[in-house]
Amino acid sequence: MTGVTTTGGSQPVYRETTERFWVLRLTTEVRHDGIYIQFEPIHRSFRHTSFREIDEAYATTYSASTYGGWHWGIRWSFSGNTVYRLRGNRGVELVLTDGSRIFIGSKQPAELENAIAQAFGSV
């Protein structure tokens, strides 16, 4: 499910859900206060990254050299980088103020990037 809504508050400005093997589900939401990611069944609730923590966000192709290998699922590296990816090699990379990076896999990376830019601009 992918879409953009115009409601305010804690409602998502953008929401995308990707599933794999009927068990794994990656849900990404852009809200007015940040980005929320839930990787089920590992995460029981959303993980929040505030817009104050983000320096840059851009659509890109997954880089195995940046994130330490080719895989899907969740990957944490010793350098503080995190990957959330279930399908394909496209997504949005967040560069955080501490220098770490988060890659969020997406079927619609340009839409996700635009939603982040719009919500970030309204902060």
Protein backbone atom coordinates (compact mmCIF):
# COMPACT_ATOMS: atom_id res chain seq x y z
CA MET A 1 0.00 0.00 0.00
CA THR A 2 1.37 3.39 -0.99
CA GLY A 3 -0.30 6.74 -0.68
CA VAL A 4 -0.25 10.35 0.34
CA THR A 5 -2.84 11.89 2.64
CA THR A 6 -3.47 15.50 3.58
CA THR A 7 -4.44 15.07 7.22
CA GLY A 8 -2.41 16.69 10.02
CA GLY A 9 -1.37 15.62 13.50
CA SER A 10 0.16 12.19 13.93
CA GLN A 11 -1.50 10.86 10.78
CA PRO A 12 0.94 9.84 8.06
CA VAL A 13 1.63 12.16 5.16
CA TYR A 14 2.95 9.09 3.32
CA ARG A 15 2.67 5.36 4.04
CA GLU A 16 4.16 2.37 2.23
CA THR A 17 4.00 -1.30 3.15
CA THR A 18 6.13 -4.03 1.55
CA GLU A 19 5.63 -7.72 2.35
CA ARG A 20 7.75 -10.80 1.77
CA PHE A 21 6.84 -14.45 2.33
CA TRP A 22 3.53 -13.46 4.00
CA VAL A 23 5.46 -13.09 7.26
CA LEU A 24 7.82 -10.13 6.91
CA ARG A 25 6.37 -6.66 6.56
CA LEU A 26 8.18 -3.32 6.25
CA THR A 27 5.98 -0.29 6.88
CA THR A 28 7.34 3.22 6.35
CA GLU A 29 5.40 6.31 7.39
CA VAL A 30 6.30 9.94 6.98
CA ARG A 31 4.56 12.08 9.58
CA HIS A 32 4.89 15.77 10.40
CA ASP A 33 7.43 15.06 13.16
CA GLY A 34 9.64 12.49 11.44
CA ILE A 35 9.93 9.10 9.78
CA TYR A 36 8.49 5.94 11.33
CA ILE A 37 9.66 2.45 10.38
CA GLN A 38 8.26 -0.88 11.51
CA PHE A 39 9.76 -4.21 10.44
CA GLU A 40 7.36 -6.95 11.48
CA PRO A 41 7.62 -9.38 13.21
CA ILE A 42 10.88 -8.01 14.70
CA HIS A 43 9.54 -4.59 15.72
CA ARG A 44 6.39 -4.61 17.82
CA SER A 45 6.03 -0.85 17.34
CA PHE A 46 7.35 1.84 15.02
CA ARG A 47 10.92 3.16 15.28
CA HIS A 48 10.98 6.95 15.03
CA THR A 49 13.63 9.18 13.49
CA SER A 50 12.94 12.87 14.09
CA PHE A 51 13.51 15.41 11.33
CA ARG A 52 15.94 17.14 13.76
CA GLU A 53 18.20 14.07 13.47
CA ILE A 54 18.23 14.13 9.64
CA ASP A 55 20.71 16.18 7.60
CA GLU A 56 19.83 14.77 4.18
CA ALA A 57 17.30 12.43 2.55
CA TYR A 58 17.50 11.33 -1.07
CA ALA A 59 16.30 8.55 -3.38
CA THR A 60 19.13 6.20 -4.31
CA THR A 61 20.12 2.67 -5.23
CA TYR A 62 21.27 0.31 -2.48
CA SER A 63 25.06 0.08 -2.16
CA ALA A 64 26.47 -3.19 -0.85
CA SER A 65 29.84 -1.53 -0.22
CA THR A 66 28.32 1.18 2.01
CA TYR A 67 26.23 -1.23 4.05
CA GLY A 68 28.46 -4.30 4.19
CA GLY A 69 26.91 -6.80 1.81
CA TRP A 70 23.92 -7.71 -0.28
CA HIS A 71 20.97 -8.87 1.80
CA TRP A 72 17.36 -8.17 2.70
CA GLY A 73 15.84 -7.68 6.12
CA ILE A 74 17.38 -5.48 8.78
CA ARG A 75 21.12 -4.94 8.93
CA TRP A 76 23.04 -2.93 11.49
CA SER A 77 26.72 -2.18 10.94
CA PHE A 78 29.44 -1.32 13.43
CA SER A 79 29.67 2.15 11.89
CA GLY A 80 26.08 2.87 12.96
CA ASN A 81 24.46 2.41 9.55
CA THR A 82 21.12 0.61 9.31
CA VAL A 83 19.29 -0.99 6.39
CA TYR A 84 15.60 -1.84 6.19
CA ARG A 85 14.99 -3.65 2.91
CA LEU A 86 12.74 -6.45 1.65
CA ARG A 87 12.68 -6.17 -2.15
CA GLY A 88 14.68 -4.62 -4.93
CA ASN A 89 17.61 -2.25 -4.67
CA ARG A 90 15.87 1.14 -4.63
CA GLY A 91 15.02 3.29 -1.66
CA VAL A 92 15.77 6.44 0.28
CA GLU A 93 18.92 7.07 2.24
CA LEU A 94 18.82 9.25 5.34
CA VAL A 95 22.07 10.87 6.44
CA LEU A 96 21.80 11.66 10.14
CA THR A 97 23.42 14.50 12.06
CA ASP A 98 25.80 12.03 13.79
CA GLY A 99 27.10 10.86 10.37
CA SER A 100 25.33 7.50 10.35
CA ARG A 101 23.03 6.45 7.52
CA ILE A 102 19.68 4.67 7.27
CA PHE A 103 18.61 3.03 4.00
CA ILE A 104 14.86 2.44 3.67
CA GLY A 105 13.88 0.15 0.82
CA SER A 106 10.95 1.44 -1.22
CA LYS A 107 8.97 0.51 -4.32
CA GLN A 108 8.37 4.25 -4.84
CA PRO A 109 11.59 6.02 -3.74
CA ALA A 110 10.80 9.31 -5.52
CA GLU A 111 7.40 9.54 -3.80
CA LEU A 112 8.98 8.76 -0.43
CA GLU A 113 11.71 11.37 -1.01
CA ASN A 114 9.09 14.00 -1.95
CA ALA A 115 6.95 13.20 1.09
CA ILE A 116 10.00 13.58 3.37
CA ALA A 117 10.90 16.90 1.74
CA GLN A 118 7.33 18.22 2.10
CA ALA A 119 6.97 17.12 5.72
CA PHE A 120 10.48 18.34 6.59
CA GLY A 121 9.65 21.74 5.09
CA SER A 122 6.57 22.04 7.30
CA VAL A 123 8.58 21.59 10.53
